[in-house]
Amino acid sequence: MALRREVVVSTALRLLNEVGIDGLSTRRLARELGVQSPALYWHVKSKRELLDLMAEAMMAEALPAGRRPAPHDWTIWLAEDAHAKRRALLAYRDGARVHAGTLPTHNELPAVEAQVRALREAGFHPREALRLLLAIDRFVMGWVSEEQAWLQDAREHAQSPFPDEILEGLPLLTQAADVLRMQDRDADFEYGLQVLIQGFERRLGMNTHDVNRKGDPSDPPP
């Protein structure tokens, strides 16, 4: 039976959970699939392309194809998408590291276009809309990267970070010790996400009449 790209990607994701990104190579993947490396190169030309396809598959599980974001509730679907992406990345070992540095595939660009269109209808210039999407995506990737590193360290050392004795004499950090220890990562993530979205919401309100009168306020002066 001929090797199919979707089988290559699903096998790579399974292998990722077993060996992590550092142990994943095209040679190791070819061996797992029972083929020689040249057969694999018909479907993925490099590890970089493989990671792009793996990242696309992760996001496809989280964000259904064909969704149509609405302009009037852009703050809601941005937050929902961010939470879905975080869950998708956390579902895989080194999920954030796989996604870091990947580029949207040809299949993903229509979904990005739909998001930019919804944000444009909400009042953002397309360039600012794309900046908003990138800022939130990079917040999610950075957050999950730190979160997964934290979780890995906690598993290896099996002890609570920042014990009380370390915080002795530090009253303000003691009051915020639960945040310092990441005891409620969901709440911490939500707080940062909402601050980011509310910042863009405020910017939209401040710049609406300038956008209508002059165009994109983020454009450099002539």
C-alpha atoms as a PDB file:
ATOM      1  CA  MET A   1       0.000   0.000   0.000  1.00  0.00           C
ATOM      2  CA  ALA A   2       1.327   3.432  -0.984  1.00  0.00           C
ATOM      3  CA  LEU A   3       2.427   5.733   1.801  1.00  0.00           C
ATOM      4  CA  ARG A   4       0.055   8.659   2.342  1.00  0.00           C
ATOM      5  CA  ARG A   5       0.983  12.072   3.765  1.00  0.00           C
ATOM      6  CA  GLU A   6      -1.673  11.923   6.493  1.00  0.00           C
ATOM      7  CA  VAL A   7      -0.199   8.631   7.698  1.00  0.00           C
ATOM      8  CA  VAL A   8       3.254  10.207   7.786  1.00  0.00           C
ATOM      9  CA  VAL A   9       1.974  13.112   9.890  1.00  0.00           C
ATOM     10  CA  SER A  10      -0.106  11.016  12.303  1.00  0.00           C
ATOM     11  CA  THR A  11       2.834   8.649  12.824  1.00  0.00           C
ATOM     12  CA  ALA A  12       5.132  11.611  13.448  1.00  0.00           C
ATOM     13  CA  LEU A  13       2.743  12.947  16.109  1.00  0.00           C
ATOM     14  CA  ARG A  14       2.602   9.563  17.818  1.00  0.00           C
ATOM     15  CA  LEU A  15       6.382   9.311  17.705  1.00  0.00           C
ATOM     16  CA  LEU A  16       6.652  12.828  19.120  1.00  0.00           C
ATOM     17  CA  ASN A  17       4.842  11.731  22.284  1.00  0.00           C
ATOM     18  CA  GLU A  18       7.241   8.812  22.632  1.00  0.00           C
ATOM     19  CA  VAL A  19      10.620  10.445  21.961  1.00  0.00           C
ATOM     20  CA  GLY A  20      10.044  14.220  22.028  1.00  0.00           C
ATOM     21  CA  ILE A  21      11.105  16.700  19.384  1.00  0.00           C
ATOM     22  CA  ASP A  22      14.819  16.102  19.980  1.00  0.00           C
ATOM     23  CA  GLY A  23      14.413  12.403  19.250  1.00  0.00           C
ATOM     24  CA  LEU A  24      12.246  12.920  16.195  1.00  0.00           C
ATOM     25  CA  SER A  25      14.074  12.778  12.883  1.00  0.00           C
ATOM     26  CA  THR A  26      13.043  11.953   9.336  1.00  0.00           C
ATOM     27  CA  ARG A  27      15.285   8.872   9.510  1.00  0.00           C
ATOM     28  CA  ARG A  28      13.601   7.706  12.725  1.00  0.00           C
ATOM     29  CA  LEU A  29      10.184   8.381  11.210  1.00  0.00           C
ATOM     30  CA  ALA A  30      11.006   6.434   8.047  1.00  0.00           C
ATOM     31  CA  ARG A  31      12.096   3.479  10.177  1.00  0.00           C
ATOM     32  CA  GLU A  32       8.839   3.697  12.158  1.00  0.00           C
ATOM     33  CA  LEU A  33       6.865   3.652   8.910  1.00  0.00           C
ATOM     34  CA  GLY A  34       8.869   0.715   7.597  1.00  0.00           C
ATOM     35  CA  VAL A  35      10.189   2.572   4.552  1.00  0.00           C
ATOM     36  CA  GLN A  36      13.505   3.917   3.341  1.00  0.00           C
ATOM     37  CA  SER A  37      14.179   7.640   3.761  1.00  0.00           C
ATOM     38  CA  PRO A  38      13.850   8.398  -0.001  1.00  0.00           C
ATOM     39  CA  ALA A  39      10.232   7.170   0.091  1.00  0.00           C
ATOM     40  CA  LEU A  40       9.505   9.633   2.903  1.00  0.00           C
ATOM     41  CA  TYR A  41      10.905  12.548   0.894  1.00  0.00           C
ATOM     42  CA  TRP A  42       8.070  12.199  -1.606  1.00  0.00           C
ATOM     43  CA  HIS A  43       5.815  13.548   1.150  1.00  0.00           C
ATOM     44  CA  VAL A  44       8.073  15.741   3.326  1.00  0.00           C
ATOM     45  CA  LYS A  45      11.254  17.281   1.987  1.00  0.00           C
ATOM     46  CA  SER A  46      12.785  18.223   5.350  1.00  0.00           C
ATOM     47  CA  LYS A  47      12.215  18.160   9.088  1.00  0.00           C
ATOM     48  CA  ARG A  48      11.078  21.795   8.833  1.00  0.00           C
ATOM     49  CA  GLU A  49       8.291  20.851   6.432  1.00  0.00           C
ATOM     50  CA  LEU A  50       7.402  17.906   8.658  1.00  0.00           C
ATOM     51  CA  LEU A  51       7.065  20.217  11.679  1.00  0.00           C
ATOM     52  CA  ASP A  52       4.861  22.602   9.660  1.00  0.00           C
ATOM     53  CA  LEU A  53       2.546  19.726   8.774  1.00  0.00           C
ATOM     54  CA  MET A  54       2.525  18.431  12.353  1.00  0.00           C
ATOM     55  CA  ALA A  55       1.641  21.919  13.640  1.00  0.00           C
ATOM     56  CA  GLU A  56      -1.150  22.144  11.065  1.00  0.00           C
ATOM     57  CA  ALA A  57      -2.533  18.773  12.206  1.00  0.00           C
ATOM     58  CA  MET A  58      -2.446  19.860  15.867  1.00  0.00           C
ATOM     59  CA  MET A  59      -4.411  23.012  15.084  1.00  0.00           C
ATOM     60  CA  ALA A  60      -6.864  21.146  12.843  1.00  0.00           C
ATOM     61  CA  GLU A  61      -7.834  19.058  15.867  1.00  0.00           C
ATOM     62  CA  ALA A  62      -8.472  22.219  17.889  1.00  0.00           C
ATOM     63  CA  LEU A  63     -10.019  24.534  15.294  1.00  0.00           C
ATOM     64  CA  PRO A  64     -12.581  22.989  12.923  1.00  0.00           C
ATOM     65  CA  ALA A  65     -12.141  23.843   9.255  1.00  0.00           C
ATOM     66  CA  GLY A  66     -14.653  26.232   7.735  1.00  0.00           C
ATOM     67  CA  ARG A  67     -15.412  28.158  10.917  1.00  0.00           C
ATOM     68  CA  ARG A  68     -16.596  31.700  10.253  1.00  0.00           C
ATOM     69  CA  PRO A  69     -15.515  34.221  12.889  1.00  0.00           C
ATOM     70  CA  ALA A  70     -18.013  37.036  13.345  1.00  0.00           C
ATOM     71  CA  PRO A  71     -16.978  40.704  13.509  1.00  0.00           C
ATOM     72  CA  HIS A  72     -19.324  41.600  16.373  1.00  0.00           C
ATOM     73  CA  ASP A  73     -17.894  39.059  18.832  1.00  0.00           C
ATOM     74  CA  TRP A  74     -14.226  39.144  17.857  1.00  0.00           C
ATOM     75  CA  THR A  75     -13.058  39.268  21.483  1.00  0.00           C
ATOM     76  CA  ILE A  76     -14.949  36.042  22.214  1.00  0.00           C
ATOM     77  CA  TRP A  77     -13.701  33.942  19.314  1.00  0.00           C
ATOM     78  CA  LEU A  78     -10.151  35.218  19.712  1.00  0.00           C
ATOM     79  CA  ALA A  79     -10.186  34.022  23.332  1.00  0.00           C
ATOM     80  CA  GLU A  80     -11.844  30.712  22.406  1.00  0.00           C
ATOM     81  CA  ASP A  81      -9.281  30.096  19.653  1.00  0.00           C
ATOM     82  CA  ALA A  82      -6.412  30.881  22.039  1.00  0.00           C
ATOM     83  CA  HIS A  83      -7.714  28.411  24.624  1.00  0.00           C
ATOM     84  CA  ALA A  84      -8.234  25.752  21.935  1.00  0.00           C
ATOM     85  CA  LYS A  85      -4.680  26.223  20.648  1.00  0.00           C
ATOM     86  CA  ARG A  86      -3.270  25.962  24.153  1.00  0.00           C
ATOM     87  CA  ARG A  87      -5.159  22.712  24.756  1.00  0.00           C
ATOM     88  CA  ALA A  88      -3.956  21.327  21.418  1.00  0.00           C
ATOM     89  CA  LEU A  89      -0.315  22.116  22.154  1.00  0.00           C
ATOM     90  CA  LEU A  90      -0.499  20.724  25.673  1.00  0.00           C
ATOM     91  CA  ALA A  91      -1.931  17.484  24.281  1.00  0.00           C
ATOM     92  CA  TYR A  92       1.442  16.654  22.712  1.00  0.00           C
ATOM     93  CA  ARG A  93       4.880  16.340  24.210  1.00  0.00           C
ATOM     94  CA  ASP A  94       6.899  19.406  23.144  1.00  0.00           C
ATOM     95  CA  GLY A  95       3.803  20.690  21.351  1.00  0.00           C
ATOM     96  CA  ALA A  96       4.854  24.329  21.635  1.00  0.00           C
ATOM     97  CA  ARG A  97       8.363  23.573  20.402  1.00  0.00           C
ATOM     98  CA  VAL A  98       6.907  21.827  17.355  1.00  0.00           C
ATOM     99  CA  HIS A  99       4.791  24.854  16.548  1.00  0.00           C
ATOM    100  CA  ALA A 100       7.499  27.455  17.216  1.00  0.00           C
ATOM    101  CA  GLY A 101       8.790  28.965  13.993  1.00  0.00           C
ATOM    102  CA  THR A 102       6.301  27.155  11.756  1.00  0.00           C
ATOM    103  CA  LEU A 103       4.654  28.980   8.875  1.00  0.00           C
ATOM    104  CA  PRO A 104       0.977  28.699   7.906  1.00  0.00           C
ATOM    105  CA  THR A 105       0.544  26.016   5.287  1.00  0.00           C
ATOM    106  CA  HIS A 106      -1.380  26.613   2.078  1.00  0.00           C
ATOM    107  CA  ASN A 107      -4.373  24.880   3.671  1.00  0.00           C
ATOM    108  CA  GLU A 108      -4.348  27.226   6.687  1.00  0.00           C
ATOM    109  CA  LEU A 109      -4.213  30.561   4.844  1.00  0.00           C
ATOM    110  CA  PRO A 110      -7.977  30.740   4.067  1.00  0.00           C
ATOM    111  CA  ALA A 111      -8.732  30.476   7.808  1.00  0.00           C
ATOM    112  CA  VAL A 112      -6.285  33.319   8.512  1.00  0.00           C
ATOM    113  CA  GLU A 113      -7.930  35.363   5.744  1.00  0.00           C
ATOM    114  CA  ALA A 114     -11.346  34.794   7.351  1.00  0.00           C
ATOM    115  CA  GLN A 115     -10.062  36.009  10.713  1.00  0.00           C
ATOM    116  CA  VAL A 116      -8.502  39.126   9.191  1.00  0.00           C
ATOM    117  CA  ARG A 117     -11.735  39.823   7.298  1.00  0.00           C
ATOM    118  CA  ALA A 118     -13.804  39.575  10.494  1.00  0.00           C
ATOM    119  CA  LEU A 119     -11.416  41.892  12.322  1.00  0.00           C
ATOM    120  CA  ARG A 120     -11.459  44.314   9.391  1.00  0.00           C
ATOM    121  CA  GLU A 121     -15.257  44.430   9.572  1.00  0.00           C
ATOM    122  CA  ALA A 122     -14.934  45.065  13.315  1.00  0.00           C
ATOM    123  CA  GLY A 123     -12.864  48.175  12.537  1.00  0.00           C
ATOM    124  CA  PHE A 124      -9.230  47.072  12.327  1.00  0.00           C
ATOM    125  CA  HIS A 125      -7.007  47.778   9.342  1.00  0.00           C
ATOM    126  CA  PRO A 126      -5.837  44.463   7.806  1.00  0.00           C
ATOM    127  CA  ARG A 127      -2.239  45.081   8.889  1.00  0.00           C
ATOM    128  CA  GLU A 128      -3.298  45.766  12.475  1.00  0.00           C
ATOM    129  CA  ALA A 129      -5.662  42.789  12.416  1.00  0.00           C
ATOM    130  CA  LEU A 130      -2.804  40.505  11.405  1.00  0.00           C
ATOM    131  CA  ARG A 131      -0.593  42.003  14.105  1.00  0.00           C
ATOM    132  CA  LEU A 132      -3.321  41.246  16.642  1.00  0.00           C
ATOM    133  CA  LEU A 133      -3.546  37.616  15.507  1.00  0.00           C
ATOM    134  CA  LEU A 134       0.231  37.233  15.603  1.00  0.00           C
ATOM    135  CA  ALA A 135       0.475  38.803  19.063  1.00  0.00           C
ATOM    136  CA  ILE A 136      -2.065  36.375  20.501  1.00  0.00           C
ATOM    137  CA  ASP A 137      -0.550  33.376  18.700  1.00  0.00           C
ATOM    138  CA  ARG A 138       2.896  34.244  20.027  1.00  0.00           C
ATOM    139  CA  PHE A 139       1.507  34.766  23.512  1.00  0.00           C
ATOM    140  CA  VAL A 140      -0.023  31.264  23.370  1.00  0.00           C
ATOM    141  CA  MET A 141       3.158  29.688  21.996  1.00  0.00           C
ATOM    142  CA  GLY A 142       5.395  31.419  24.516  1.00  0.00           C
ATOM    143  CA  TRP A 143       3.081  30.600  27.390  1.00  0.00           C
ATOM    144  CA  VAL A 144       2.769  26.910  26.522  1.00  0.00           C
ATOM    145  CA  SER A 145       6.512  26.636  25.906  1.00  0.00           C
ATOM    146  CA  GLU A 146       7.186  27.891  29.446  1.00  0.00           C
ATOM    147  CA  GLU A 147       4.318  25.812  30.821  1.00  0.00           C
ATOM    148  CA  GLN A 148       5.586  22.582  29.288  1.00  0.00           C
ATOM    149  CA  ALA A 149       9.127  23.278  30.476  1.00  0.00           C
ATOM    150  CA  TRP A 150       7.748  23.934  33.968  1.00  0.00           C
ATOM    151  CA  LEU A 151       5.735  20.717  33.944  1.00  0.00           C
ATOM    152  CA  GLN A 152       8.723  18.702  32.740  1.00  0.00           C
ATOM    153  CA  ASP A 153      10.895  20.149  35.494  1.00  0.00           C
ATOM    154  CA  ALA A 154       8.211  19.417  38.099  1.00  0.00           C
ATOM    155  CA  ARG A 155       7.981  15.785  36.933  1.00  0.00           C
ATOM    156  CA  GLU A 156      11.740  15.346  37.098  1.00  0.00           C
ATOM    157  CA  HIS A 157      12.242  16.927  40.509  1.00  0.00           C
ATOM    158  CA  ALA A 158       8.917  15.973  42.145  1.00  0.00           C
ATOM    159  CA  GLN A 159       8.956  18.880  44.550  1.00  0.00           C
ATOM    160  CA  SER A 160       7.041  22.093  45.020  1.00  0.00           C
ATOM    161  CA  PRO A 161       8.912  25.158  43.711  1.00  0.00           C
ATOM    162  CA  PHE A 162       9.413  28.205  45.911  1.00  0.00           C
ATOM    163  CA  PRO A 163       8.806  26.631  49.342  1.00  0.00           C
ATOM    164  CA  ASP A 164       7.708  28.926  52.162  1.00  0.00           C
ATOM    165  CA  GLU A 165      11.184  29.226  53.641  1.00  0.00           C
ATOM    166  CA  ILE A 166      12.505  30.741  50.401  1.00  0.00           C
ATOM    167  CA  LEU A 167       9.809  33.405  50.517  1.00  0.00           C
ATOM    168  CA  GLU A 168      10.475  34.347  54.123  1.00  0.00           C
ATOM    169  CA  GLY A 169      10.989  38.106  54.345  1.00  0.00           C
ATOM    170  CA  LEU A 170       9.315  38.660  50.969  1.00  0.00           C
ATOM    171  CA  PRO A 171       5.760  39.622  51.980  1.00  0.00           C
ATOM    172  CA  LEU A 172       4.494  40.682  48.561  1.00  0.00           C
ATOM    173  CA  LEU A 173       5.666  37.530  46.830  1.00  0.00           C
ATOM    174  CA  THR A 174       4.218  35.518  49.710  1.00  0.00           C
ATOM    175  CA  GLN A 175       0.817  37.076  49.017  1.00  0.00           C
ATOM    176  CA  ALA A 176       1.130  36.050  45.363  1.00  0.00           C
ATOM    177  CA  ALA A 177       2.791  32.688  46.023  1.00  0.00           C
ATOM    178  CA  ASP A 178       0.076  30.750  44.182  1.00  0.00           C
ATOM    179  CA  VAL A 179       0.906  32.646  40.988  1.00  0.00           C
ATOM    180  CA  LEU A 180       4.634  32.249  41.550  1.00  0.00           C
ATOM    181  CA  ARG A 181       4.121  28.498  41.928  1.00  0.00           C
ATOM    182  CA  MET A 182       1.748  28.319  38.935  1.00  0.00           C
ATOM    183  CA  GLN A 183      -0.880  26.582  41.044  1.00  0.00           C
ATOM    184  CA  ASP A 184      -3.691  27.681  38.734  1.00  0.00           C
ATOM    185  CA  ARG A 185      -2.168  27.833  35.271  1.00  0.00           C
ATOM    186  CA  ASP A 186      -5.579  28.133  33.608  1.00  0.00           C
ATOM    187  CA  ALA A 187      -6.413  31.288  35.574  1.00  0.00           C
ATOM    188  CA  ASP A 188      -2.966  32.755  34.960  1.00  0.00           C
ATOM    189  CA  PHE A 189      -3.270  32.108  31.217  1.00  0.00           C
ATOM    190  CA  GLU A 190      -6.753  33.630  31.101  1.00  0.00           C
ATOM    191  CA  TYR A 191      -5.565  36.754  32.912  1.00  0.00           C
ATOM    192  CA  GLY A 192      -2.735  37.383  30.455  1.00  0.00           C
ATOM    193  CA  LEU A 193      -4.934  36.634  27.450  1.00  0.00           C
ATOM    194  CA  GLN A 194      -7.674  39.010  28.554  1.00  0.00           C
ATOM    195  CA  VAL A 195      -5.188  41.814  29.267  1.00  0.00           C
ATOM    196  CA  LEU A 196      -3.884  41.391  25.717  1.00  0.00           C
ATOM    197  CA  ILE A 197      -7.313  41.315  24.084  1.00  0.00           C
ATOM    198  CA  GLN A 198      -8.593  44.235  26.150  1.00  0.00           C
ATOM    199  CA  GLY A 199      -5.547  46.228  25.094  1.00  0.00           C
ATOM    200  CA  PHE A 200      -6.452  45.739  21.436  1.00  0.00           C
ATOM    201  CA  GLU A 201     -10.094  46.488  22.217  1.00  0.00           C
ATOM    202  CA  ARG A 202      -9.100  49.783  23.811  1.00  0.00           C
ATOM    203  CA  ARG A 203      -6.817  50.587  20.893  1.00  0.00           C
ATOM    204  CA  LEU A 204      -9.677  49.976  18.477  1.00  0.00           C
ATOM    205  CA  GLY A 205     -11.883  52.395  20.407  1.00  0.00           C
ATOM    206  CA  MET A 206      -9.158  55.046  20.496  1.00  0.00           C
ATOM    207  CA  ASN A 207      -8.285  54.765  16.817  1.00  0.00           C
ATOM    208  CA  THR A 208     -11.642  54.192  15.140  1.00  0.00           C
ATOM    209  CA  HIS A 209     -12.132  57.707  13.834  1.00  0.00           C
ATOM    210  CA  ASP A 210      -8.469  57.951  12.806  1.00  0.00           C
ATOM    211  CA  VAL A 211      -8.782  54.699  10.843  1.00  0.00           C
ATOM    212  CA  ASN A 212     -11.851  56.004   9.051  1.00  0.00           C
ATOM    213  CA  ARG A 213     -10.236  59.379   8.340  1.00  0.00           C
ATOM    214  CA  LYS A 214      -6.612  58.449   7.543  1.00  0.00           C
ATOM    215  CA  GLY A 215      -6.276  54.690   7.120  1.00  0.00           C
ATOM    216  CA  ASP A 216      -4.081  52.465   9.231  1.00  0.00           C
ATOM    217  CA  PRO A 217      -2.758  54.474  12.235  1.00  0.00           C
ATOM    218  CA  SER A 218       0.163  52.070  12.438  1.00  0.00           C
ATOM    219  CA  ASP A 219       1.389  53.076   8.976  1.00  0.00           C
ATOM    220  CA  PRO A 220       4.537  55.201   9.016  1.00  0.00           C
ATOM    221  CA  PRO A 221       4.098  58.840   8.021  1.00  0.00           C
ATOM    222  CA  PRO A 222       4.778  59.659   4.356  1.00  0.00           C
END
